[in-house]
N, C-alpha and C. Protein backbone atom coordinates (compact mmCIF):
# COMPACT_ATOMS: atom_id res chain seq x y z
N MET A 1 113.43 38.73 256.04
CA MET A 1 114.64 38.89 256.82
C MET A 1 115.88 38.64 255.96
N ILE A 2 115.78 37.73 255.01
CA ILE A 2 116.92 37.42 254.15
C ILE A 2 117.39 38.67 253.40
N LYS A 3 116.43 39.52 253.04
CA LYS A 3 116.79 40.75 252.33
C LYS A 3 117.78 41.59 253.14
N PHE A 4 117.64 41.57 254.46
CA PHE A 4 118.56 42.36 255.29
C PHE A 4 119.95 41.73 255.37
N PHE A 5 120.04 40.42 255.29
CA PHE A 5 121.36 39.80 255.18
C PHE A 5 122.00 40.20 253.84
N GLU A 6 121.22 40.16 252.78
CA GLU A 6 121.73 40.56 251.46
C GLU A 6 122.19 42.02 251.50
N TYR A 7 121.39 42.88 252.13
CA TYR A 7 121.74 44.30 252.28
C TYR A 7 123.04 44.44 253.06
N ASN A 8 123.13 43.80 254.23
CA ASN A 8 124.34 43.92 255.04
C ASN A 8 125.57 43.45 254.28
N TRP A 9 125.45 42.35 253.56
CA TRP A 9 126.60 41.82 252.83
C TRP A 9 127.03 42.78 251.72
N GLN A 10 126.06 43.37 251.04
CA GLN A 10 126.41 44.32 249.99
C GLN A 10 127.09 45.56 250.57
N VAL A 11 126.54 46.10 251.65
CA VAL A 11 127.13 47.27 252.29
C VAL A 11 128.52 46.94 252.82
N ARG A 12 128.67 45.76 253.40
CA ARG A 12 129.99 45.34 253.91
C ARG A 12 131.00 45.31 252.76
N ASP A 13 130.62 44.76 251.63
CA ASP A 13 131.53 44.72 250.48
C ASP A 13 131.89 46.13 250.01
N GLU A 14 130.94 47.04 250.07
CA GLU A 14 131.22 48.42 249.70
C GLU A 14 132.18 49.06 250.69
N TRP A 15 132.08 48.70 251.97
CA TRP A 15 133.05 49.19 252.95
C TRP A 15 134.44 48.61 252.69
N PHE A 16 134.50 47.36 252.30
CA PHE A 16 135.81 46.79 251.94
C PHE A 16 136.42 47.60 250.80
N ASP A 17 135.63 47.91 249.78
CA ASP A 17 136.13 48.73 248.66
C ASP A 17 136.55 50.11 249.16
N TRP A 18 135.73 50.70 250.01
CA TRP A 18 136.02 52.02 250.57
C TRP A 18 137.37 52.00 251.30
N CYS A 19 137.63 50.93 252.02
CA CYS A 19 138.87 50.82 252.81
C CYS A 19 140.13 50.81 251.94
N ASN A 20 139.99 50.50 250.67
CA ASN A 20 141.17 50.47 249.78
C ASN A 20 141.86 51.82 249.67
N GLN A 21 141.17 52.90 250.00
CA GLN A 21 141.78 54.23 249.92
C GLN A 21 142.63 54.55 251.14
N LEU A 22 142.58 53.71 252.16
CA LEU A 22 143.34 53.94 253.39
C LEU A 22 144.55 53.02 253.46
N THR A 23 145.54 53.45 254.18
CA THR A 23 146.70 52.60 254.42
C THR A 23 146.36 51.60 255.52
N ILE A 24 147.15 50.56 255.64
CA ILE A 24 146.93 49.59 256.72
C ILE A 24 147.08 50.27 258.08
N GLU A 25 147.97 51.24 258.17
CA GLU A 25 148.13 51.98 259.42
C GLU A 25 146.84 52.71 259.79
N GLU A 26 146.21 53.34 258.80
CA GLU A 26 144.95 54.05 259.06
C GLU A 26 143.83 53.08 259.45
N LEU A 27 143.84 51.90 258.87
CA LEU A 27 142.82 50.90 259.19
C LEU A 27 142.99 50.35 260.60
N LEU A 28 144.21 50.46 261.14
CA LEU A 28 144.50 49.89 262.46
C LEU A 28 144.68 50.93 263.57
N ILE A 29 144.48 52.20 263.26
CA ILE A 29 144.58 53.26 264.28
C ILE A 29 143.44 53.08 265.28
N ASP A 30 143.76 53.24 266.57
CA ASP A 30 142.73 53.22 267.61
C ASP A 30 141.88 54.47 267.48
N ARG A 31 140.56 54.27 267.43
CA ARG A 31 139.61 55.37 267.28
C ARG A 31 138.64 55.36 268.45
N LYS A 32 137.94 56.47 268.64
CA LYS A 32 136.96 56.57 269.72
C LYS A 32 135.67 55.87 269.30
N GLY A 33 135.11 55.12 270.24
CA GLY A 33 133.83 54.48 270.01
C GLY A 33 133.97 53.11 269.36
N GLY A 34 132.85 52.42 269.30
CA GLY A 34 132.82 51.12 268.66
C GLY A 34 133.82 50.16 269.27
N VAL A 35 134.41 49.33 268.42
CA VAL A 35 135.43 48.39 268.88
C VAL A 35 136.83 48.93 268.63
N GLY A 36 136.93 50.19 268.14
CA GLY A 36 138.19 50.90 268.15
C GLY A 36 138.99 51.02 266.87
N LYS A 37 138.84 50.11 265.96
CA LYS A 37 139.63 50.15 264.72
C LYS A 37 138.72 49.84 263.53
N ILE A 38 138.97 50.45 262.42
CA ILE A 38 138.15 50.20 261.23
C ILE A 38 138.25 48.73 260.81
N LEU A 39 139.45 48.22 260.67
CA LEU A 39 139.61 46.84 260.20
C LEU A 39 139.07 45.84 261.22
N TYR A 40 139.33 46.11 262.50
CA TYR A 40 138.82 45.20 263.51
C TYR A 40 137.29 45.21 263.56
N THR A 41 136.68 46.33 263.26
CA THR A 41 135.21 46.41 263.22
C THR A 41 134.67 45.46 262.16
N LEU A 42 135.26 45.47 260.99
CA LEU A 42 134.80 44.56 259.93
C LEU A 42 135.01 43.10 260.34
N PHE A 43 136.16 42.81 260.92
CA PHE A 43 136.44 41.47 261.40
C PHE A 43 135.41 41.06 262.47
N HIS A 44 135.13 41.94 263.40
CA HIS A 44 134.19 41.68 264.49
C HIS A 44 132.79 41.37 263.94
N ILE A 45 132.34 42.13 262.97
CA ILE A 45 131.03 41.90 262.36
C ILE A 45 130.95 40.47 261.81
N ILE A 46 131.98 40.08 261.08
CA ILE A 46 132.02 38.75 260.46
C ILE A 46 132.05 37.66 261.52
N ASP A 47 132.89 37.84 262.52
CA ASP A 47 133.05 36.85 263.59
C ASP A 47 131.74 36.64 264.35
N VAL A 48 131.08 37.72 264.71
CA VAL A 48 129.82 37.63 265.46
C VAL A 48 128.74 36.97 264.61
N GLU A 49 128.61 37.36 263.37
CA GLU A 49 127.62 36.77 262.47
C GLU A 49 127.82 35.25 262.38
N TYR A 50 129.05 34.85 262.16
CA TYR A 50 129.36 33.43 261.99
C TYR A 50 129.10 32.65 263.28
N SER A 51 129.50 33.20 264.41
CA SER A 51 129.29 32.52 265.69
C SER A 51 127.81 32.29 265.98
N TRP A 52 127.00 33.32 265.77
CA TRP A 52 125.57 33.18 266.06
C TRP A 52 124.90 32.18 265.12
N ILE A 53 125.25 32.22 263.85
CA ILE A 53 124.64 31.26 262.91
C ILE A 53 125.05 29.84 263.26
N ARG A 54 126.31 29.64 263.60
CA ARG A 54 126.75 28.30 264.03
C ARG A 54 126.01 27.89 265.30
N GLY A 55 125.75 28.83 266.20
CA GLY A 55 124.97 28.54 267.38
C GLY A 55 123.57 28.07 267.04
N ILE A 56 122.94 28.74 266.09
CA ILE A 56 121.61 28.33 265.62
C ILE A 56 121.65 26.91 265.06
N GLN A 57 122.72 26.61 264.35
CA GLN A 57 122.86 25.29 263.72
C GLN A 57 123.24 24.20 264.73
N GLY A 58 123.53 24.60 265.96
CA GLY A 58 123.95 23.62 266.95
C GLY A 58 125.39 23.16 266.77
N LYS A 59 126.17 23.97 266.05
CA LYS A 59 127.57 23.64 265.79
C LYS A 59 128.48 24.34 266.80
N GLU A 60 129.63 23.77 266.98
CA GLU A 60 130.63 24.36 267.87
C GLU A 60 131.10 25.71 267.31
N ASP A 61 131.33 26.65 268.21
CA ASP A 61 131.82 27.96 267.80
C ASP A 61 133.25 27.85 267.30
N VAL A 62 133.55 28.57 266.26
CA VAL A 62 134.91 28.68 265.74
C VAL A 62 135.42 30.05 266.15
N VAL A 63 136.51 30.09 266.88
CA VAL A 63 137.05 31.35 267.35
C VAL A 63 138.18 31.77 266.42
N PHE A 64 137.98 32.91 265.78
CA PHE A 64 139.00 33.47 264.90
C PHE A 64 139.82 34.49 265.68
N GLN A 65 141.10 34.52 265.42
CA GLN A 65 141.99 35.47 266.07
C GLN A 65 142.29 36.60 265.08
N PHE A 66 142.07 37.83 265.51
CA PHE A 66 142.32 38.96 264.63
C PHE A 66 143.77 38.99 264.13
N ALA A 67 144.69 38.55 264.95
CA ALA A 67 146.11 38.53 264.55
C ALA A 67 146.33 37.71 263.29
N ASP A 68 145.45 36.75 263.02
CA ASP A 68 145.55 35.92 261.81
C ASP A 68 144.90 36.59 260.60
N TYR A 69 144.16 37.67 260.83
CA TYR A 69 143.40 38.34 259.76
C TYR A 69 143.61 39.85 259.84
N ASN A 70 144.85 40.28 259.96
CA ASN A 70 145.14 41.69 260.24
C ASN A 70 145.46 42.52 259.00
N THR A 71 144.98 42.07 257.83
CA THR A 71 145.07 42.89 256.62
C THR A 71 143.68 42.96 256.00
N LEU A 72 143.46 43.96 255.20
CA LEU A 72 142.17 44.12 254.53
C LEU A 72 141.87 42.90 253.65
N GLU A 73 142.86 42.41 252.95
CA GLU A 73 142.67 41.27 252.06
C GLU A 73 142.26 40.03 252.84
N LYS A 74 142.87 39.81 253.98
CA LYS A 74 142.55 38.63 254.78
C LYS A 74 141.14 38.72 255.38
N VAL A 75 140.75 39.89 255.84
CA VAL A 75 139.41 40.04 256.41
C VAL A 75 138.36 39.89 255.31
N LYS A 76 138.62 40.46 254.15
CA LYS A 76 137.68 40.33 253.02
C LYS A 76 137.57 38.86 252.59
N SER A 77 138.68 38.17 252.54
CA SER A 77 138.67 36.76 252.17
C SER A 77 137.88 35.93 253.18
N LEU A 78 138.06 36.23 254.47
CA LEU A 78 137.30 35.54 255.51
C LEU A 78 135.81 35.79 255.32
N SER A 79 135.45 37.02 255.06
CA SER A 79 134.05 37.37 254.84
C SER A 79 133.47 36.58 253.67
N ASP A 80 134.18 36.56 252.56
CA ASP A 80 133.71 35.85 251.37
C ASP A 80 133.56 34.35 251.64
N GLN A 81 134.54 33.79 252.30
CA GLN A 81 134.55 32.35 252.57
C GLN A 81 133.39 31.96 253.49
N LEU A 82 133.21 32.68 254.57
CA LEU A 82 132.16 32.34 255.53
C LEU A 82 130.77 32.64 254.98
N ARG A 83 130.66 33.65 254.14
CA ARG A 83 129.37 34.02 253.57
C ARG A 83 128.79 32.88 252.75
N ILE A 84 129.62 32.17 252.03
CA ILE A 84 129.14 31.04 251.23
C ILE A 84 128.48 30.00 252.14
N GLU A 85 129.15 29.69 253.24
CA GLU A 85 128.60 28.73 254.20
C GLU A 85 127.30 29.25 254.82
N LEU A 86 127.31 30.51 255.23
CA LEU A 86 126.14 31.09 255.88
C LEU A 86 124.96 31.17 254.92
N ALA A 87 125.23 31.54 253.68
CA ALA A 87 124.16 31.63 252.69
C ALA A 87 123.52 30.27 252.47
N GLY A 88 124.34 29.23 252.46
CA GLY A 88 123.80 27.87 252.32
C GLY A 88 122.78 27.56 253.40
N PHE A 89 123.06 27.97 254.62
CA PHE A 89 122.12 27.75 255.71
C PHE A 89 120.91 28.67 255.58
N LEU A 90 121.14 29.93 255.29
CA LEU A 90 120.04 30.89 255.21
C LEU A 90 119.09 30.62 254.05
N LYS A 91 119.54 29.89 253.05
CA LYS A 91 118.68 29.51 251.91
C LYS A 91 117.63 28.47 252.32
N THR A 92 117.88 27.76 253.41
CA THR A 92 116.96 26.72 253.83
C THR A 92 115.72 27.35 254.45
N ASP A 93 114.69 26.54 254.63
CA ASP A 93 113.45 27.01 255.25
C ASP A 93 113.69 27.15 256.75
N LEU A 94 113.73 28.36 257.21
CA LEU A 94 114.03 28.64 258.62
C LEU A 94 112.76 28.74 259.47
N SER A 95 111.59 28.61 258.85
CA SER A 95 110.35 28.85 259.59
C SER A 95 110.18 27.91 260.78
N ASP A 96 110.65 26.67 260.67
CA ASP A 96 110.52 25.74 261.78
C ASP A 96 111.48 26.07 262.92
N LEU A 97 112.54 26.79 262.61
CA LEU A 97 113.55 27.11 263.63
C LEU A 97 113.28 28.40 264.38
N LYS A 98 112.52 29.30 263.79
CA LYS A 98 112.42 30.67 264.32
C LYS A 98 111.96 30.75 265.77
N GLU A 99 111.12 29.85 266.22
CA GLU A 99 110.65 29.89 267.61
C GLU A 99 111.46 28.99 268.53
N LEU A 100 112.44 28.29 267.98
CA LEU A 100 113.31 27.43 268.77
C LEU A 100 114.08 28.26 269.78
N ILE A 101 114.15 27.79 271.01
CA ILE A 101 114.90 28.46 272.07
C ILE A 101 116.23 27.74 272.21
N LEU A 102 117.31 28.54 272.24
CA LEU A 102 118.62 27.90 272.38
C LEU A 102 119.55 28.76 273.20
N SER A 103 120.63 28.13 273.62
CA SER A 103 121.68 28.85 274.33
C SER A 103 122.98 28.65 273.57
N VAL A 104 123.90 29.57 273.79
CA VAL A 104 125.21 29.51 273.13
C VAL A 104 126.27 29.56 274.22
N PRO A 105 127.46 29.02 273.95
CA PRO A 105 128.48 28.93 274.99
C PRO A 105 128.98 30.25 275.55
N TRP A 106 128.86 31.34 274.81
CA TRP A 106 129.41 32.61 275.27
C TRP A 106 128.38 33.48 276.02
N ASP A 107 127.18 32.94 276.25
CA ASP A 107 126.14 33.71 276.91
C ASP A 107 125.31 32.78 277.80
N GLU A 108 124.97 33.25 278.98
CA GLU A 108 124.21 32.42 279.92
C GLU A 108 122.71 32.43 279.63
N GLU A 109 122.25 33.39 278.86
CA GLU A 109 120.82 33.52 278.56
C GLU A 109 120.41 32.54 277.45
N GLU A 110 119.10 32.37 277.31
CA GLU A 110 118.53 31.61 276.19
C GLU A 110 117.78 32.58 275.29
N TYR A 111 117.81 32.31 274.00
CA TYR A 111 117.18 33.20 273.01
C TYR A 111 116.44 32.37 271.99
N ASN A 112 115.41 32.98 271.38
CA ASN A 112 114.81 32.27 270.26
C ASN A 112 115.52 32.66 268.97
N VAL A 113 115.50 31.77 268.02
CA VAL A 113 116.26 31.93 266.78
C VAL A 113 115.85 33.20 266.04
N ASN A 114 114.58 33.51 266.03
CA ASN A 114 114.12 34.71 265.34
C ASN A 114 114.79 35.95 265.92
N ASP A 115 114.89 36.03 267.24
CA ASP A 115 115.55 37.17 267.88
C ASP A 115 117.04 37.20 267.55
N ILE A 116 117.66 36.04 267.50
CA ILE A 116 119.08 35.98 267.16
C ILE A 116 119.32 36.48 265.74
N LEU A 117 118.50 36.05 264.80
CA LEU A 117 118.65 36.51 263.40
C LEU A 117 118.49 38.03 263.32
N HIS A 118 117.51 38.56 264.03
CA HIS A 118 117.34 40.01 264.05
C HIS A 118 118.54 40.70 264.72
N HIS A 119 119.07 40.09 265.77
CA HIS A 119 120.25 40.66 266.44
C HIS A 119 121.44 40.73 265.48
N ILE A 120 121.67 39.67 264.72
CA ILE A 120 122.80 39.64 263.78
C ILE A 120 122.68 40.81 262.80
N ILE A 121 121.49 41.01 262.29
CA ILE A 121 121.26 42.09 261.32
C ILE A 121 121.50 43.46 261.98
N ALA A 122 120.89 43.67 263.15
CA ALA A 122 121.03 44.96 263.84
C ALA A 122 122.47 45.21 264.27
N HIS A 123 123.17 44.17 264.68
CA HIS A 123 124.56 44.29 265.11
C HIS A 123 125.42 44.86 264.00
N GLU A 124 125.26 44.32 262.79
CA GLU A 124 126.07 44.82 261.68
C GLU A 124 125.70 46.25 261.33
N ILE A 125 124.42 46.55 261.29
CA ILE A 125 123.99 47.91 260.97
C ILE A 125 124.55 48.90 262.00
N HIS A 126 124.54 48.52 263.26
CA HIS A 126 125.10 49.35 264.32
C HIS A 126 126.58 49.67 264.05
N HIS A 127 127.35 48.64 263.75
CA HIS A 127 128.79 48.86 263.54
C HIS A 127 129.07 49.59 262.22
N ILE A 128 128.24 49.40 261.23
CA ILE A 128 128.39 50.14 259.98
C ILE A 128 128.18 51.64 260.24
N GLY A 129 127.26 51.95 261.15
CA GLY A 129 127.08 53.35 261.54
C GLY A 129 128.34 53.92 262.16
N GLN A 130 129.04 53.12 262.96
CA GLN A 130 130.30 53.58 263.55
C GLN A 130 131.33 53.84 262.45
N LEU A 131 131.39 52.95 261.47
CA LEU A 131 132.33 53.19 260.36
C LEU A 131 132.01 54.50 259.65
N SER A 132 130.73 54.81 259.53
CA SER A 132 130.33 56.07 258.88
C SER A 132 130.81 57.28 259.67
N VAL A 133 130.73 57.20 260.98
CA VAL A 133 131.23 58.30 261.83
C VAL A 133 132.74 58.46 261.61
N TRP A 134 133.47 57.36 261.63
CA TRP A 134 134.92 57.44 261.44
C TRP A 134 135.26 57.97 260.05
N ALA A 135 134.50 57.58 259.04
CA ALA A 135 134.75 58.09 257.68
C ALA A 135 134.62 59.62 257.67
N ARG A 136 133.60 60.13 258.30
CA ARG A 136 133.41 61.59 258.33
C ARG A 136 134.51 62.28 259.14
N GLU A 137 134.97 61.63 260.20
CA GLU A 137 136.09 62.19 260.96
C GLU A 137 137.35 62.27 260.09
N LEU A 138 137.48 61.35 259.14
CA LEU A 138 138.61 61.37 258.20
C LEU A 138 138.35 62.30 257.01
N GLU A 139 137.19 62.98 257.06
CA GLU A 139 136.75 63.87 255.99
C GLU A 139 136.61 63.13 254.66
N LEU A 140 136.09 61.90 254.77
CA LEU A 140 135.81 61.07 253.60
C LEU A 140 134.31 60.76 253.58
N HIS A 141 133.82 60.52 252.39
CA HIS A 141 132.41 60.17 252.22
C HIS A 141 132.19 58.72 252.65
N PRO A 142 131.25 58.46 253.56
CA PRO A 142 130.99 57.07 253.95
C PRO A 142 130.19 56.34 252.87
N VAL A 143 130.14 55.05 252.98
CA VAL A 143 129.31 54.22 252.11
C VAL A 143 127.85 54.55 252.42
N SER A 144 127.04 54.60 251.40
CA SER A 144 125.62 54.87 251.61
C SER A 144 124.97 53.72 252.38
N ALA A 145 124.15 54.10 253.35
CA ALA A 145 123.41 53.11 254.12
C ALA A 145 122.00 52.90 253.57
N ASN A 146 121.66 53.59 252.49
CA ASN A 146 120.31 53.50 251.94
C ASN A 146 119.99 52.08 251.49
N LEU A 147 118.83 51.60 251.89
CA LEU A 147 118.33 50.33 251.39
C LEU A 147 117.57 50.55 250.10
N VAL A 148 116.78 51.61 250.06
CA VAL A 148 115.99 51.90 248.85
C VAL A 148 116.94 52.23 247.70
N GLY A 149 116.60 51.75 246.54
CA GLY A 149 117.40 52.04 245.35
C GLY A 149 118.54 51.07 245.13
N ARG A 150 118.75 50.14 246.02
CA ARG A 150 119.81 49.14 245.87
C ARG A 150 119.29 47.96 245.07
N GLU A 151 120.12 47.45 244.21
CA GLU A 151 119.83 46.17 243.56
C GLU A 151 120.64 45.12 244.31
N LEU A 152 119.95 44.42 245.19
CA LEU A 152 120.63 43.47 246.05
C LEU A 152 120.89 42.15 245.31
N LYS A 153 122.06 41.59 245.58
CA LYS A 153 122.39 40.28 245.07
C LYS A 153 121.61 39.25 245.86
N SER A 154 120.92 38.37 245.19
CA SER A 154 120.09 37.38 245.86
C SER A 154 120.96 36.38 246.62
N ILE A 155 120.50 36.00 247.77
CA ILE A 155 121.20 35.00 248.57
C ILE A 155 121.33 33.69 247.80
N GLN A 156 120.43 33.49 246.85
CA GLN A 156 120.46 32.28 246.05
C GLN A 156 121.71 32.22 245.16
N SER A 157 122.34 33.37 244.93
CA SER A 157 123.51 33.40 244.04
C SER A 157 124.81 33.07 244.74
N TYR A 158 124.76 32.87 246.06
CA TYR A 158 125.97 32.53 246.80
C TYR A 158 126.16 31.03 246.81
């Protein structure tokens, strides 16, 4: 499962690089589908990932406001900063936690940790697909979603 976090983080970084070709106005234009904006999509991915991992850890949720991170540089910095913390947790032995059932403040249901980890991975992949659609609508080449052929940075290096 860790390999998919490494994959998502690498693809996310490639999307940050891809975004450098757009103006801030283009990053903030309301678009059809998804959560509506390219930059907000990246912010949303980071926010959701962090909230769920903190939920697994039994920590209080930290609510980030997009208004505080409304530039590409700020969203990328947030991603880098939180990734270090998340990687520290993901490096630990999660096998004892995977069947743990827990609830989080933003949802009335209970989930097991293994399902939450899979949800985090699928959530990002889903939104990356939306970014790919928007890239094609802009007549730009999207970031490759291929897992095969990638040399992933090990989570141990964070």
